[in-house]
Amino acid sequence: MPEENLGSLTHLTSACERPRGWVFPNNGELRVGVPDRVSFQQFVSYDEDTNTFKGFCVDVFLKAIELLPYPVPYRFVPFGDHKKNPNYTDLCNKVGTSFFDAAVGDIVITMNRTKVVDFTQPYIDSGLVVVAPVKRQKSNAWAFLQPFTLEMWCVIGGFFVVVGIVVWILEHRFNEDFRGPPKKQVATICWFSFSTLFFAHSESLQSNCIILSC
């Protein structure tokens, strides 16, 4: 192979192996935007007295910088007024317009934001969570009623009464247990509906309509 070709090949190889991290902006360091949060400061927080950042997201960024085989000068720039949590969409837009070279924080990956900037692989996954207020309640004998509201219990009771009436209408002509004085029939209807909640009722059904539906 001619020497000029070897020289071109060597130059091409060295150019390909040169990491992109060696190329810096004109100011010689990366401007990294960091949200100045006022809540959930375990992820990222800014100390005005020492002008330093700390938090889980900052620690991940610093560890990633340490693993690089070449130095990358950077400078953290706070984003926010330290009075309320900043808008993360605005922070992504700042990166997209080159106001910041990068951003570090607990930034949620959304479809609109991916159209403006590129994200690293997510290192925090909250998953599906349910937020509910904590109420201290005293335990008592009626604690089993707490899963449903009063309106829901009324609806459930109404359904059982309707079922009992339907069973009585279909059974009282064939079944002796569903006959007798009005008070007894009303008691049978209520007892039959109530018994289906906890155990099998003792009355045997004789109507063909109910047997076929079962």
N, C-alpha and C. Protein backbone atom coordinates (compact mmCIF):
# COMPACT_ATOMS: atom_id res chain seq x y z
N MET A 1 0.86 -1.19 0.00
CA MET A 1 0.00 0.00 0.00
C MET A 1 0.89 1.23 0.00
N PRO A 2 0.61 2.24 -0.84
CA PRO A 2 1.43 3.46 -0.90
C PRO A 2 1.44 4.17 0.44
N GLU A 3 2.51 4.94 0.70
CA GLU A 3 2.64 5.64 1.97
C GLU A 3 1.58 6.69 2.15
N GLU A 4 1.18 7.39 1.03
CA GLU A 4 0.16 8.44 1.20
C GLU A 4 -1.16 7.82 1.63
N ASN A 5 -1.46 6.63 1.19
CA ASN A 5 -2.68 5.98 1.62
C ASN A 5 -2.60 5.59 3.10
N LEU A 6 -1.42 5.13 3.52
CA LEU A 6 -1.26 4.79 4.93
C LEU A 6 -1.43 6.02 5.80
N GLY A 7 -0.93 7.14 5.34
CA GLY A 7 -1.08 8.37 6.10
C GLY A 7 -2.53 8.79 6.20
N SER A 8 -3.27 8.65 5.12
CA SER A 8 -4.68 9.01 5.14
C SER A 8 -5.45 8.08 6.06
N LEU A 9 -5.07 6.79 6.02
CA LEU A 9 -5.75 5.83 6.87
C LEU A 9 -5.48 6.11 8.34
N THR A 10 -4.23 6.46 8.67
CA THR A 10 -3.89 6.79 10.05
C THR A 10 -4.62 8.03 10.52
N HIS A 11 -4.72 9.02 9.65
CA HIS A 11 -5.42 10.25 10.02
C HIS A 11 -6.90 9.98 10.23
N LEU A 12 -7.47 9.12 9.38
CA LEU A 12 -8.88 8.80 9.50
C LEU A 12 -9.15 8.03 10.78
N THR A 13 -8.22 7.10 11.12
CA THR A 13 -8.40 6.32 12.34
C THR A 13 -8.32 7.19 13.57
N SER A 14 -7.36 8.09 13.61
CA SER A 14 -7.23 8.95 14.78
C SER A 14 -8.41 9.89 14.90
N ALA A 15 -8.98 10.31 13.77
CA ALA A 15 -10.14 11.20 13.82
C ALA A 15 -11.36 10.47 14.34
N CYS A 16 -11.49 9.18 13.97
CA CYS A 16 -12.64 8.42 14.43
C CYS A 16 -12.53 8.09 15.92
N GLU A 17 -11.30 7.84 16.40
CA GLU A 17 -11.12 7.49 17.80
C GLU A 17 -11.18 8.70 18.71
N ARG A 18 -11.08 9.87 18.18
CA ARG A 18 -11.11 11.06 19.03
C ARG A 18 -12.52 11.25 19.58
N PRO A 19 -12.70 11.24 20.86
CA PRO A 19 -14.05 11.35 21.43
C PRO A 19 -14.63 12.73 21.22
N ARG A 20 -15.93 12.77 21.11
CA ARG A 20 -16.61 14.05 20.92
C ARG A 20 -16.49 14.94 22.15
N GLY A 21 -16.18 14.34 23.30
CA GLY A 21 -16.07 15.14 24.51
C GLY A 21 -14.93 16.14 24.49
N TRP A 22 -14.01 15.99 23.57
CA TRP A 22 -12.92 16.96 23.48
C TRP A 22 -13.36 18.27 22.86
N VAL A 23 -14.48 18.27 22.17
CA VAL A 23 -14.95 19.48 21.49
C VAL A 23 -15.86 20.24 22.44
N PHE A 24 -15.47 21.44 22.83
CA PHE A 24 -16.22 22.23 23.79
C PHE A 24 -16.75 23.49 23.13
N PRO A 25 -17.73 24.13 23.74
CA PRO A 25 -18.18 25.43 23.24
C PRO A 25 -17.07 26.47 23.34
N ASN A 26 -17.41 27.67 22.89
CA ASN A 26 -16.40 28.73 22.86
C ASN A 26 -15.94 29.15 24.26
N ASN A 27 -16.83 28.99 25.27
CA ASN A 27 -16.44 29.39 26.62
C ASN A 27 -15.58 28.36 27.32
N GLY A 28 -15.37 27.19 26.69
CA GLY A 28 -14.46 26.20 27.24
C GLY A 28 -15.05 25.29 28.27
N GLU A 29 -16.36 25.37 28.57
CA GLU A 29 -17.00 24.49 29.54
C GLU A 29 -18.47 24.36 29.19
N LEU A 30 -19.04 23.27 29.68
CA LEU A 30 -20.45 23.01 29.43
C LEU A 30 -21.31 23.73 30.46
N ARG A 31 -22.32 24.40 29.98
CA ARG A 31 -23.30 25.04 30.87
C ARG A 31 -24.42 24.03 31.12
N VAL A 32 -24.47 23.53 32.33
CA VAL A 32 -25.44 22.50 32.69
C VAL A 32 -26.53 23.15 33.54
N GLY A 33 -27.75 23.16 33.02
CA GLY A 33 -28.87 23.72 33.77
C GLY A 33 -29.38 22.73 34.80
N VAL A 34 -29.56 23.19 36.02
CA VAL A 34 -30.04 22.35 37.12
C VAL A 34 -31.25 23.04 37.74
N PRO A 35 -32.38 22.35 37.84
CA PRO A 35 -33.56 22.98 38.43
C PRO A 35 -33.37 23.30 39.89
N ASP A 36 -33.75 24.49 40.28
CA ASP A 36 -33.67 24.94 41.66
C ASP A 36 -34.98 24.59 42.35
N ARG A 37 -35.07 23.36 42.84
CA ARG A 37 -36.32 22.85 43.41
C ARG A 37 -36.49 23.35 44.84
N VAL A 38 -37.77 23.45 45.23
CA VAL A 38 -38.10 23.78 46.62
C VAL A 38 -38.77 22.60 47.31
N SER A 39 -39.10 21.55 46.57
CA SER A 39 -39.67 20.33 47.14
C SER A 39 -38.93 19.13 46.57
N PHE A 40 -38.99 18.02 47.29
CA PHE A 40 -38.27 16.80 46.89
C PHE A 40 -36.80 17.12 46.59
N GLN A 41 -36.17 17.79 47.53
CA GLN A 41 -34.79 18.19 47.34
C GLN A 41 -33.82 17.02 47.44
N GLN A 42 -34.33 15.82 47.74
CA GLN A 42 -33.45 14.65 47.72
C GLN A 42 -32.94 14.36 46.31
N PHE A 43 -33.71 14.77 45.29
CA PHE A 43 -33.27 14.55 43.92
C PHE A 43 -32.25 15.60 43.48
N VAL A 44 -32.55 16.85 43.73
CA VAL A 44 -31.62 17.93 43.37
C VAL A 44 -31.98 19.15 44.21
N SER A 45 -30.96 19.82 44.70
CA SER A 45 -31.16 21.03 45.50
C SER A 45 -29.97 21.95 45.31
N TYR A 46 -30.21 23.24 45.52
CA TYR A 46 -29.18 24.25 45.32
C TYR A 46 -28.98 25.02 46.61
N ASP A 47 -27.73 25.12 47.03
CA ASP A 47 -27.38 25.85 48.23
C ASP A 47 -26.81 27.20 47.84
N GLU A 48 -27.56 28.26 48.14
CA GLU A 48 -27.13 29.60 47.73
C GLU A 48 -25.88 30.06 48.49
N ASP A 49 -25.73 29.59 49.71
CA ASP A 49 -24.58 30.05 50.51
C ASP A 49 -23.27 29.53 49.93
N THR A 50 -23.24 28.25 49.59
CA THR A 50 -22.01 27.66 49.05
C THR A 50 -21.99 27.60 47.53
N ASN A 51 -23.11 27.96 46.90
CA ASN A 51 -23.21 27.95 45.44
C ASN A 51 -22.89 26.56 44.88
N THR A 52 -23.44 25.52 45.53
CA THR A 52 -23.20 24.15 45.11
C THR A 52 -24.53 23.42 44.98
N PHE A 53 -24.51 22.34 44.24
CA PHE A 53 -25.68 21.51 44.04
C PHE A 53 -25.43 20.14 44.67
N LYS A 54 -26.49 19.53 45.12
CA LYS A 54 -26.42 18.19 45.68
C LYS A 54 -27.73 17.49 45.42
N GLY A 55 -27.71 16.19 45.62
CA GLY A 55 -28.90 15.39 45.37
C GLY A 55 -28.56 14.15 44.57
N PHE A 56 -29.53 13.26 44.45
CA PHE A 56 -29.31 11.99 43.77
C PHE A 56 -28.97 12.20 42.29
N CYS A 57 -29.70 13.09 41.62
CA CYS A 57 -29.45 13.33 40.19
C CYS A 57 -28.06 13.91 39.96
N VAL A 58 -27.66 14.80 40.83
CA VAL A 58 -26.32 15.39 40.71
C VAL A 58 -25.25 14.33 40.95
N ASP A 59 -25.47 13.43 41.89
CA ASP A 59 -24.50 12.37 42.16
C ASP A 59 -24.37 11.44 40.95
N VAL A 60 -25.48 11.13 40.29
CA VAL A 60 -25.42 10.28 39.10
C VAL A 60 -24.62 10.96 38.00
N PHE A 61 -24.83 12.27 37.83
CA PHE A 61 -24.10 13.01 36.79
C PHE A 61 -22.60 13.03 37.10
N LEU A 62 -22.25 13.26 38.34
CA LEU A 62 -20.84 13.31 38.71
C LEU A 62 -20.16 11.96 38.53
N LYS A 63 -20.85 10.87 38.85
CA LYS A 63 -20.29 9.54 38.65
C LYS A 63 -20.10 9.24 37.17
N ALA A 64 -21.05 9.71 36.34
CA ALA A 64 -20.91 9.50 34.90
C ALA A 64 -19.72 10.28 34.35
N ILE A 65 -19.49 11.48 34.86
CA ILE A 65 -18.34 12.27 34.43
C ILE A 65 -17.04 11.58 34.82
N GLU A 66 -17.00 10.98 36.00
CA GLU A 66 -15.78 10.29 36.46
C GLU A 66 -15.45 9.09 35.59
N LEU A 67 -16.45 8.45 35.01
CA LEU A 67 -16.20 7.26 34.20
C LEU A 67 -15.69 7.60 32.80
N LEU A 68 -15.75 8.84 32.39
CA LEU A 68 -15.27 9.22 31.06
C LEU A 68 -13.74 9.18 31.02
N PRO A 69 -13.16 8.70 29.92
CA PRO A 69 -11.68 8.63 29.84
C PRO A 69 -11.04 9.95 29.47
N TYR A 70 -11.79 11.02 29.44
CA TYR A 70 -11.25 12.34 29.10
C TYR A 70 -11.95 13.37 29.97
N PRO A 71 -11.27 14.48 30.27
CA PRO A 71 -11.87 15.50 31.15
C PRO A 71 -12.95 16.28 30.42
N VAL A 72 -14.01 16.60 31.13
CA VAL A 72 -15.10 17.41 30.59
C VAL A 72 -15.38 18.53 31.57
N PRO A 73 -14.89 19.71 31.30
CA PRO A 73 -15.19 20.83 32.20
C PRO A 73 -16.65 21.23 32.08
N TYR A 74 -17.27 21.52 33.20
CA TYR A 74 -18.69 21.88 33.21
C TYR A 74 -18.92 22.90 34.32
N ARG A 75 -20.09 23.51 34.24
CA ARG A 75 -20.48 24.48 35.27
C ARG A 75 -21.98 24.39 35.46
N PHE A 76 -22.39 24.15 36.70
CA PHE A 76 -23.81 24.08 37.01
C PHE A 76 -24.39 25.48 37.07
N VAL A 77 -25.54 25.63 36.43
CA VAL A 77 -26.25 26.91 36.42
C VAL A 77 -27.65 26.68 36.97
N PRO A 78 -28.03 27.34 38.06
CA PRO A 78 -29.37 27.11 38.62
C PRO A 78 -30.45 27.65 37.70
N PHE A 79 -31.55 26.93 37.63
CA PHE A 79 -32.69 27.33 36.81
C PHE A 79 -33.91 27.40 37.72
N GLY A 80 -34.37 28.60 38.00
CA GLY A 80 -35.51 28.81 38.87
C GLY A 80 -35.26 29.99 39.79
N ASP A 81 -36.30 30.37 40.55
CA ASP A 81 -36.22 31.52 41.43
C ASP A 81 -36.14 31.14 42.91
N HIS A 82 -36.00 29.86 43.22
CA HIS A 82 -35.89 29.35 44.58
C HIS A 82 -37.13 29.64 45.42
N LYS A 83 -38.25 29.95 44.75
CA LYS A 83 -39.52 30.18 45.45
C LYS A 83 -40.55 29.11 45.10
N LYS A 84 -40.47 28.57 43.91
CA LYS A 84 -41.35 27.49 43.48
C LYS A 84 -40.59 26.63 42.48
N ASN A 85 -41.09 25.42 42.29
CA ASN A 85 -40.42 24.51 41.37
C ASN A 85 -40.48 25.05 39.94
N PRO A 86 -39.37 25.04 39.23
CA PRO A 86 -39.36 25.58 37.87
C PRO A 86 -40.11 24.67 36.91
N ASN A 87 -40.44 25.22 35.76
CA ASN A 87 -41.11 24.47 34.70
C ASN A 87 -40.06 23.67 33.93
N TYR A 88 -40.19 22.34 33.98
CA TYR A 88 -39.19 21.50 33.34
C TYR A 88 -39.28 21.56 31.82
N THR A 89 -40.46 21.85 31.29
CA THR A 89 -40.57 22.01 29.84
C THR A 89 -39.77 23.22 29.37
N ASP A 90 -39.82 24.31 30.14
CA ASP A 90 -39.00 25.48 29.82
C ASP A 90 -37.52 25.15 29.91
N LEU A 91 -37.15 24.32 30.87
CA LEU A 91 -35.75 23.93 30.98
C LEU A 91 -35.30 23.14 29.75
N CYS A 92 -36.16 22.24 29.27
CA CYS A 92 -35.82 21.49 28.05
C CYS A 92 -35.73 22.41 26.84
N ASN A 93 -36.60 23.41 26.79
CA ASN A 93 -36.53 24.37 25.68
C ASN A 93 -35.24 25.19 25.75
N LYS A 94 -34.77 25.48 26.95
CA LYS A 94 -33.50 26.19 27.08
C LYS A 94 -32.35 25.37 26.52
N VAL A 95 -32.42 24.05 26.73
CA VAL A 95 -31.39 23.18 26.16
C VAL A 95 -31.53 23.12 24.65
N GLY A 96 -32.77 23.07 24.16
CA GLY A 96 -32.99 23.00 22.72
C GLY A 96 -32.54 24.25 21.99
N THR A 97 -32.61 25.40 22.64
CA THR A 97 -32.16 26.66 22.02
C THR A 97 -30.70 26.97 22.31
N SER A 98 -29.97 26.00 22.91
CA SER A 98 -28.53 26.13 23.22
C SER A 98 -28.24 27.17 24.29
N PHE A 99 -29.26 27.57 25.05
CA PHE A 99 -28.98 28.43 26.21
C PHE A 99 -28.21 27.62 27.25
N PHE A 100 -28.61 26.36 27.43
CA PHE A 100 -27.86 25.39 28.22
C PHE A 100 -27.33 24.31 27.28
N ASP A 101 -26.15 23.79 27.61
CA ASP A 101 -25.61 22.67 26.83
C ASP A 101 -26.21 21.34 27.27
N ALA A 102 -26.67 21.25 28.50
CA ALA A 102 -27.28 20.04 29.02
C ALA A 102 -28.10 20.41 30.24
N ALA A 103 -28.84 19.45 30.75
CA ALA A 103 -29.65 19.66 31.94
C ALA A 103 -29.57 18.41 32.80
N VAL A 104 -29.54 18.61 34.11
CA VAL A 104 -29.46 17.52 35.07
C VAL A 104 -30.59 17.70 36.07
N GLY A 105 -31.36 16.65 36.28
CA GLY A 105 -32.46 16.73 37.24
C GLY A 105 -33.43 15.60 37.04
N ASP A 106 -34.46 15.60 37.87
CA ASP A 106 -35.52 14.58 37.78
C ASP A 106 -36.53 15.00 36.73
N ILE A 107 -36.11 14.99 35.48
CA ILE A 107 -36.92 15.47 34.36
C ILE A 107 -37.68 14.29 33.77
N VAL A 108 -38.98 14.38 33.74
CA VAL A 108 -39.82 13.32 33.20
C VAL A 108 -39.73 13.33 31.67
N ILE A 109 -39.59 12.16 31.08
CA ILE A 109 -39.51 12.04 29.62
C ILE A 109 -40.92 12.02 29.06
N THR A 110 -41.27 13.06 28.31
CA THR A 110 -42.57 13.14 27.66
C THR A 110 -42.38 13.26 26.15
N MET A 111 -43.47 13.06 25.41
CA MET A 111 -43.37 13.07 23.96
C MET A 111 -42.99 14.45 23.45
N ASN A 112 -43.57 15.50 24.03
CA ASN A 112 -43.27 16.86 23.56
C ASN A 112 -41.82 17.23 23.84
N ARG A 113 -41.29 16.78 24.95
CA ARG A 113 -39.91 17.11 25.29
C ARG A 113 -38.91 16.35 24.43
N THR A 114 -39.26 15.12 24.02
CA THR A 114 -38.35 14.37 23.16
C THR A 114 -38.23 15.00 21.77
N LYS A 115 -39.17 15.85 21.39
CA LYS A 115 -39.07 16.55 20.12
C LYS A 115 -38.07 17.69 20.16
N VAL A 116 -37.67 18.08 21.38
CA VAL A 116 -36.77 19.23 21.53
C VAL A 116 -35.36 18.79 21.91
N VAL A 117 -35.26 17.82 22.82
CA VAL A 117 -33.95 17.40 23.33
C VAL A 117 -33.89 15.88 23.33
N ASP A 118 -32.68 15.35 23.50
CA ASP A 118 -32.45 13.92 23.65
C ASP A 118 -32.23 13.61 25.13
N PHE A 119 -32.77 12.49 25.58
CA PHE A 119 -32.66 12.08 26.97
C PHE A 119 -31.72 10.89 27.09
N THR A 120 -31.09 10.77 28.25
CA THR A 120 -30.30 9.58 28.56
C THR A 120 -31.26 8.45 28.96
N GLN A 121 -30.70 7.28 29.20
CA GLN A 121 -31.52 6.19 29.70
C GLN A 121 -32.05 6.55 31.09
N PRO A 122 -33.32 6.32 31.35
CA PRO A 122 -33.87 6.68 32.67
C PRO A 122 -33.25 5.83 33.78
N TYR A 123 -32.90 6.47 34.87
CA TYR A 123 -32.31 5.78 36.02
C TYR A 123 -33.23 5.84 37.24
N ILE A 124 -34.41 6.43 37.10
CA ILE A 124 -35.41 6.47 38.17
C ILE A 124 -36.75 6.10 37.56
N ASP A 125 -37.42 5.14 38.15
CA ASP A 125 -38.73 4.72 37.67
C ASP A 125 -39.69 4.69 38.85
N SER A 126 -40.63 5.64 38.84
CA SER A 126 -41.58 5.72 39.95
C SER A 126 -42.65 4.66 39.85
N GLY A 127 -42.96 4.19 38.63
CA GLY A 127 -44.01 3.19 38.47
C GLY A 127 -45.38 3.79 38.71
N LEU A 128 -46.34 2.92 38.90
CA LEU A 128 -47.71 3.34 39.15
C LEU A 128 -47.92 3.52 40.64
N VAL A 129 -48.29 4.72 41.04
CA VAL A 129 -48.48 5.02 42.45
C VAL A 129 -49.87 5.62 42.66
N VAL A 130 -50.36 5.49 43.85
CA VAL A 130 -51.64 6.06 44.25
C VAL A 130 -51.39 6.97 45.45
N VAL A 131 -51.79 8.21 45.34
CA VAL A 131 -51.62 9.18 46.41
C VAL A 131 -52.97 9.36 47.09
N ALA A 132 -53.01 9.13 48.38
CA ALA A 132 -54.26 9.23 49.14
C ALA A 132 -53.97 9.88 50.48
N PRO A 133 -54.89 10.67 50.99
CA PRO A 133 -54.67 11.28 52.31
C PRO A 133 -54.71 10.25 53.42
N VAL A 134 -53.91 10.48 54.43
CA VAL A 134 -53.85 9.58 55.58
C VAL A 134 -54.79 10.11 56.66
N LYS A 135 -55.72 9.27 57.06
CA LYS A 135 -56.68 9.65 58.11
C LYS A 135 -56.59 8.62 59.24
N ARG A 136 -56.41 9.12 60.41
CA ARG A 136 -56.37 8.24 61.58
C ARG A 136 -57.80 7.96 62.03
N GLN A 137 -58.15 6.70 62.06
CA GLN A 137 -59.49 6.30 62.46
C GLN A 137 -59.38 5.25 63.56
N LYS A 138 -60.28 5.37 64.53
CA LYS A 138 -60.30 4.42 65.63
C LYS A 138 -61.01 3.14 65.20
N SER A 139 -60.46 2.03 65.62
CA SER A 139 -61.06 0.74 65.31
C SER A 139 -62.24 0.49 66.23
N ASN A 140 -63.33 0.00 65.66
CA ASN A 140 -64.51 -0.32 66.44
C ASN A 140 -65.23 -1.48 65.80
N ALA A 141 -66.36 -1.84 66.39
CA ALA A 141 -67.10 -3.00 65.89
C ALA A 141 -67.72 -2.78 64.52
N TRP A 142 -67.87 -1.52 64.13
CA TRP A 142 -68.48 -1.20 62.83
C TRP A 142 -67.42 -0.89 61.78
N ALA A 143 -66.20 -1.36 61.99
CA ALA A 143 -65.13 -1.07 61.03
C ALA A 143 -65.37 -1.73 59.68
N PHE A 144 -66.14 -2.83 59.67
CA PHE A 144 -66.39 -3.52 58.40
C PHE A 144 -67.26 -2.70 57.46
N LEU A 145 -67.89 -1.64 57.96
CA LEU A 145 -68.72 -0.78 57.11
C LEU A 145 -67.90 0.29 56.40
N GLN A 146 -66.67 0.48 56.78
CA GLN A 146 -65.86 1.58 56.24
C GLN A 146 -65.48 1.44 54.76
N PRO A 147 -65.32 0.22 54.21
CA PRO A 147 -64.95 0.15 52.78
C PRO A 147 -65.94 0.82 51.85
N PHE A 148 -67.22 0.90 52.22
CA PHE A 148 -68.23 1.53 51.38
C PHE A 148 -68.85 2.71 52.11
N THR A 149 -69.35 3.64 51.34
CA THR A 149 -70.06 4.78 51.90
C THR A 149 -71.48 4.37 52.28
N LEU A 150 -72.17 5.28 52.97
CA LEU A 150 -73.54 5.00 53.38
C LEU A 150 -74.44 4.82 52.17
N GLU A 151 -74.23 5.63 51.14
CA GLU A 151 -75.05 5.50 49.93
C GLU A 151 -74.84 4.15 49.26
N MET A 152 -73.57 3.68 49.25
CA MET A 152 -73.29 2.39 48.63
C MET A 152 -73.94 1.25 49.39
N TRP A 153 -73.91 1.31 50.72
CA TRP A 153 -74.56 0.27 51.51
C TRP A 153 -76.07 0.28 51.29
N CYS A 154 -76.65 1.46 51.13
CA CYS A 154 -78.09 1.54 50.85
C CYS A 154 -78.42 0.91 49.51
N VAL A 155 -77.58 1.14 48.52
CA VAL A 155 -77.81 0.54 47.20
C VAL A 155 -77.69 -0.98 47.29
N ILE A 156 -76.67 -1.48 48.02
CA ILE A 156 -76.51 -2.93 48.17
C ILE A 156 -77.72 -3.53 48.88
N GLY A 157 -78.18 -2.87 49.95
CA GLY A 157 -79.36 -3.37 50.65
C GLY A 157 -80.60 -3.36 49.77
N GLY A 158 -80.73 -2.31 48.94
CA GLY A 158 -81.87 -2.26 48.03
C GLY A 158 -81.85 -3.39 47.02
N PHE A 159 -80.67 -3.74 46.53
CA PHE A 159 -80.57 -4.85 45.58
C PHE A 159 -80.97 -6.17 46.23
N PHE A 160 -80.56 -6.38 47.49
CA PHE A 160 -80.92 -7.62 48.18
C PHE A 160 -82.43 -7.70 48.41
N VAL A 161 -83.05 -6.56 48.74
CA VAL A 161 -84.50 -6.56 48.94
C VAL A 161 -85.21 -6.87 47.63
N VAL A 162 -84.72 -6.30 46.53
CA VAL A 162 -85.34 -6.57 45.23
C VAL A 162 -85.20 -8.04 44.86
N VAL A 163 -84.03 -8.62 45.11
CA VAL A 163 -83.84 -10.04 44.83
C VAL A 163 -84.78 -10.88 45.68
N GLY A 164 -84.91 -10.51 46.96
CA GLY A 164 -85.82 -11.26 47.83
C GLY A 164 -87.26 -11.18 47.37
N ILE A 165 -87.70 -10.01 46.91
CA ILE A 165 -89.07 -9.87 46.42
C ILE A 165 -89.28 -10.70 45.16
N VAL A 166 -88.30 -10.69 44.26
CA VAL A 166 -88.42 -11.48 43.02
C VAL A 166 -88.50 -12.97 43.35
N VAL A 167 -87.67 -13.42 44.30
CA VAL A 167 -87.71 -14.83 44.70
C VAL A 167 -89.06 -15.16 45.33
N TRP A 168 -89.60 -14.27 46.13
CA TRP A 168 -90.91 -14.52 46.76
C TRP A 168 -92.01 -14.60 45.73
N ILE A 169 -91.95 -13.70 44.72
CA ILE A 169 -92.98 -13.73 43.67
C ILE A 169 -92.96 -15.05 42.93
N LEU A 170 -91.78 -15.59 42.68
CA LEU A 170 -91.68 -16.83 41.92
C LEU A 170 -91.88 -18.08 42.78
N GLU A 171 -91.74 -17.96 44.10
CA GLU A 171 -91.76 -19.14 44.95
C GLU A 171 -93.03 -19.31 45.77
N HIS A 172 -93.75 -18.23 46.08
CA HIS A 172 -94.84 -18.36 47.06
C HIS A 172 -95.99 -19.23 46.56
N ARG A 173 -96.10 -19.45 45.28
CA ARG A 173 -97.17 -20.30 44.76
C ARG A 173 -96.82 -21.78 44.84
N PHE A 174 -95.52 -22.09 44.93
CA PHE A 174 -95.09 -23.49 44.92
C PHE A 174 -94.44 -23.92 46.24
N ASN A 175 -93.91 -22.98 46.99
CA ASN A 175 -93.12 -23.31 48.18
C ASN A 175 -93.89 -22.91 49.43
N GLU A 176 -94.05 -23.86 50.35
CA GLU A 176 -94.78 -23.60 51.59
C GLU A 176 -94.02 -22.63 52.50
N ASP A 177 -92.68 -22.61 52.38
CA ASP A 177 -91.88 -21.73 53.23
C ASP A 177 -92.13 -20.26 52.94
N PHE A 178 -92.62 -19.95 51.75
CA PHE A 178 -92.87 -18.56 51.36
C PHE A 178 -94.36 -18.20 51.47
N ARG A 179 -95.08 -18.95 52.27
CA ARG A 179 -96.50 -18.66 52.49
C ARG A 179 -96.74 -18.38 53.97
N GLY A 180 -97.94 -17.87 54.26
CA GLY A 180 -98.30 -17.59 55.64
C GLY A 180 -98.74 -16.16 55.81
N PRO A 181 -98.79 -15.69 57.06
CA PRO A 181 -99.18 -14.30 57.31
C PRO A 181 -98.23 -13.31 56.64
N PRO A 182 -98.71 -12.08 56.39
CA PRO A 182 -97.83 -11.07 55.75
C PRO A 182 -96.53 -10.82 56.51
N LYS A 183 -96.61 -10.79 57.86
CA LYS A 183 -95.39 -10.55 58.62
C LYS A 183 -94.37 -11.66 58.38
N LYS A 184 -94.85 -12.88 58.32
CA LYS A 184 -93.94 -14.01 58.09
C LYS A 184 -93.33 -13.94 56.70
N GLN A 185 -94.11 -13.55 55.72
CA GLN A 185 -93.60 -13.48 54.36
C GLN A 185 -92.55 -12.36 54.23
N VAL A 186 -92.81 -11.22 54.88
CA VAL A 186 -91.82 -10.13 54.86
C VAL A 186 -90.54 -10.57 55.56
N ALA A 187 -90.68 -11.27 56.69
CA ALA A 187 -89.50 -11.75 57.39
C ALA A 187 -88.74 -12.77 56.56
N THR A 188 -89.48 -13.62 55.82
CA THR A 188 -88.83 -14.60 54.96
C THR A 188 -88.05 -13.92 53.84
N ILE A 189 -88.64 -12.89 53.26
CA ILE A 189 -87.96 -12.15 52.19
C ILE A 189 -86.66 -11.54 52.71
N CYS A 190 -86.73 -10.87 53.87
CA CYS A 190 -85.54 -10.22 54.43
C CYS A 190 -84.49 -11.25 54.84
N TRP A 191 -84.93 -12.33 55.46
CA TRP A 191 -83.99 -13.34 55.90
C TRP A 191 -83.34 -14.05 54.72
N PHE A 192 -84.11 -14.33 53.69
CA PHE A 192 -83.55 -14.98 52.52
C PHE A 192 -82.49 -14.10 51.86
N SER A 193 -82.76 -12.81 51.74
CA SER A 193 -81.77 -11.90 51.14
C SER A 193 -80.53 -11.76 52.01
N PHE A 194 -80.74 -11.66 53.33
CA PHE A 194 -79.61 -11.50 54.24
C PHE A 194 -78.76 -12.76 54.30
N SER A 195 -79.40 -13.92 54.23
CA SER A 195 -78.66 -15.18 54.35
C SER A 195 -77.73 -15.42 53.18
N THR A 196 -78.06 -14.89 52.01
CA THR A 196 -77.19 -15.08 50.84
C THR A 196 -75.85 -14.37 50.98
N LEU A 197 -75.73 -13.44 51.93
CA LEU A 197 -74.46 -12.75 52.14
C LEU A 197 -73.41 -13.64 52.78
N PHE A 198 -73.83 -14.52 53.68
CA PHE A 198 -72.87 -15.22 54.53
C PHE A 198 -72.90 -16.74 54.36
N PHE A 199 -74.05 -17.32 54.06
CA PHE A 199 -74.11 -18.77 53.97
C PHE A 199 -75.25 -19.16 53.05
N ALA A 200 -75.31 -20.42 52.70
CA ALA A 200 -76.37 -20.92 51.85
C ALA A 200 -77.67 -20.98 52.63
N HIS A 201 -78.72 -20.44 52.06
CA HIS A 201 -80.00 -20.41 52.75
C HIS A 201 -80.57 -21.82 52.87
N SER A 202 -81.33 -22.00 53.94
CA SER A 202 -81.88 -23.34 54.20
C SER A 202 -83.14 -23.62 53.40
N GLU A 203 -83.83 -22.58 52.94
CA GLU A 203 -85.05 -22.81 52.18
C GLU A 203 -84.70 -23.35 50.80
N SER A 204 -85.41 -24.41 50.41
CA SER A 204 -85.18 -25.00 49.09
C SER A 204 -86.09 -24.33 48.08
N LEU A 205 -85.54 -23.96 46.93
CA LEU A 205 -86.30 -23.30 45.88
C LEU A 205 -86.95 -24.35 44.99
N GLN A 206 -88.22 -24.12 44.67
CA GLN A 206 -88.99 -25.10 43.91
C GLN A 206 -89.51 -24.56 42.59
N SER A 207 -89.40 -23.26 42.37
CA SER A 207 -89.91 -22.68 41.13
C SER A 207 -89.00 -23.05 39.97
N ASN A 208 -89.61 -23.49 38.86
CA ASN A 208 -88.82 -23.85 37.68
C ASN A 208 -88.09 -22.65 37.10
N CYS A 209 -88.65 -21.45 37.21
CA CYS A 209 -88.01 -20.24 36.65
C CYS A 209 -86.68 -19.98 37.35
N ILE A 210 -86.62 -20.11 38.66
CA ILE A 210 -85.38 -19.88 39.39
C ILE A 210 -84.38 -20.99 39.13
N ILE A 211 -84.87 -22.26 39.07
CA ILE A 211 -83.97 -23.38 38.81
C ILE A 211 -83.31 -23.23 37.44
N LEU A 212 -84.07 -22.80 36.44
CA LEU A 212 -83.52 -22.63 35.11
C LEU A 212 -82.53 -21.47 35.07
N SER A 213 -82.81 -20.39 35.79
CA SER A 213 -81.89 -19.24 35.79
C SER A 213 -80.60 -19.57 36.51
N CYS A 214 -80.67 -20.42 37.56
CA CYS A 214 -79.45 -20.83 38.26
C CYS A 214 -78.60 -21.74 37.41
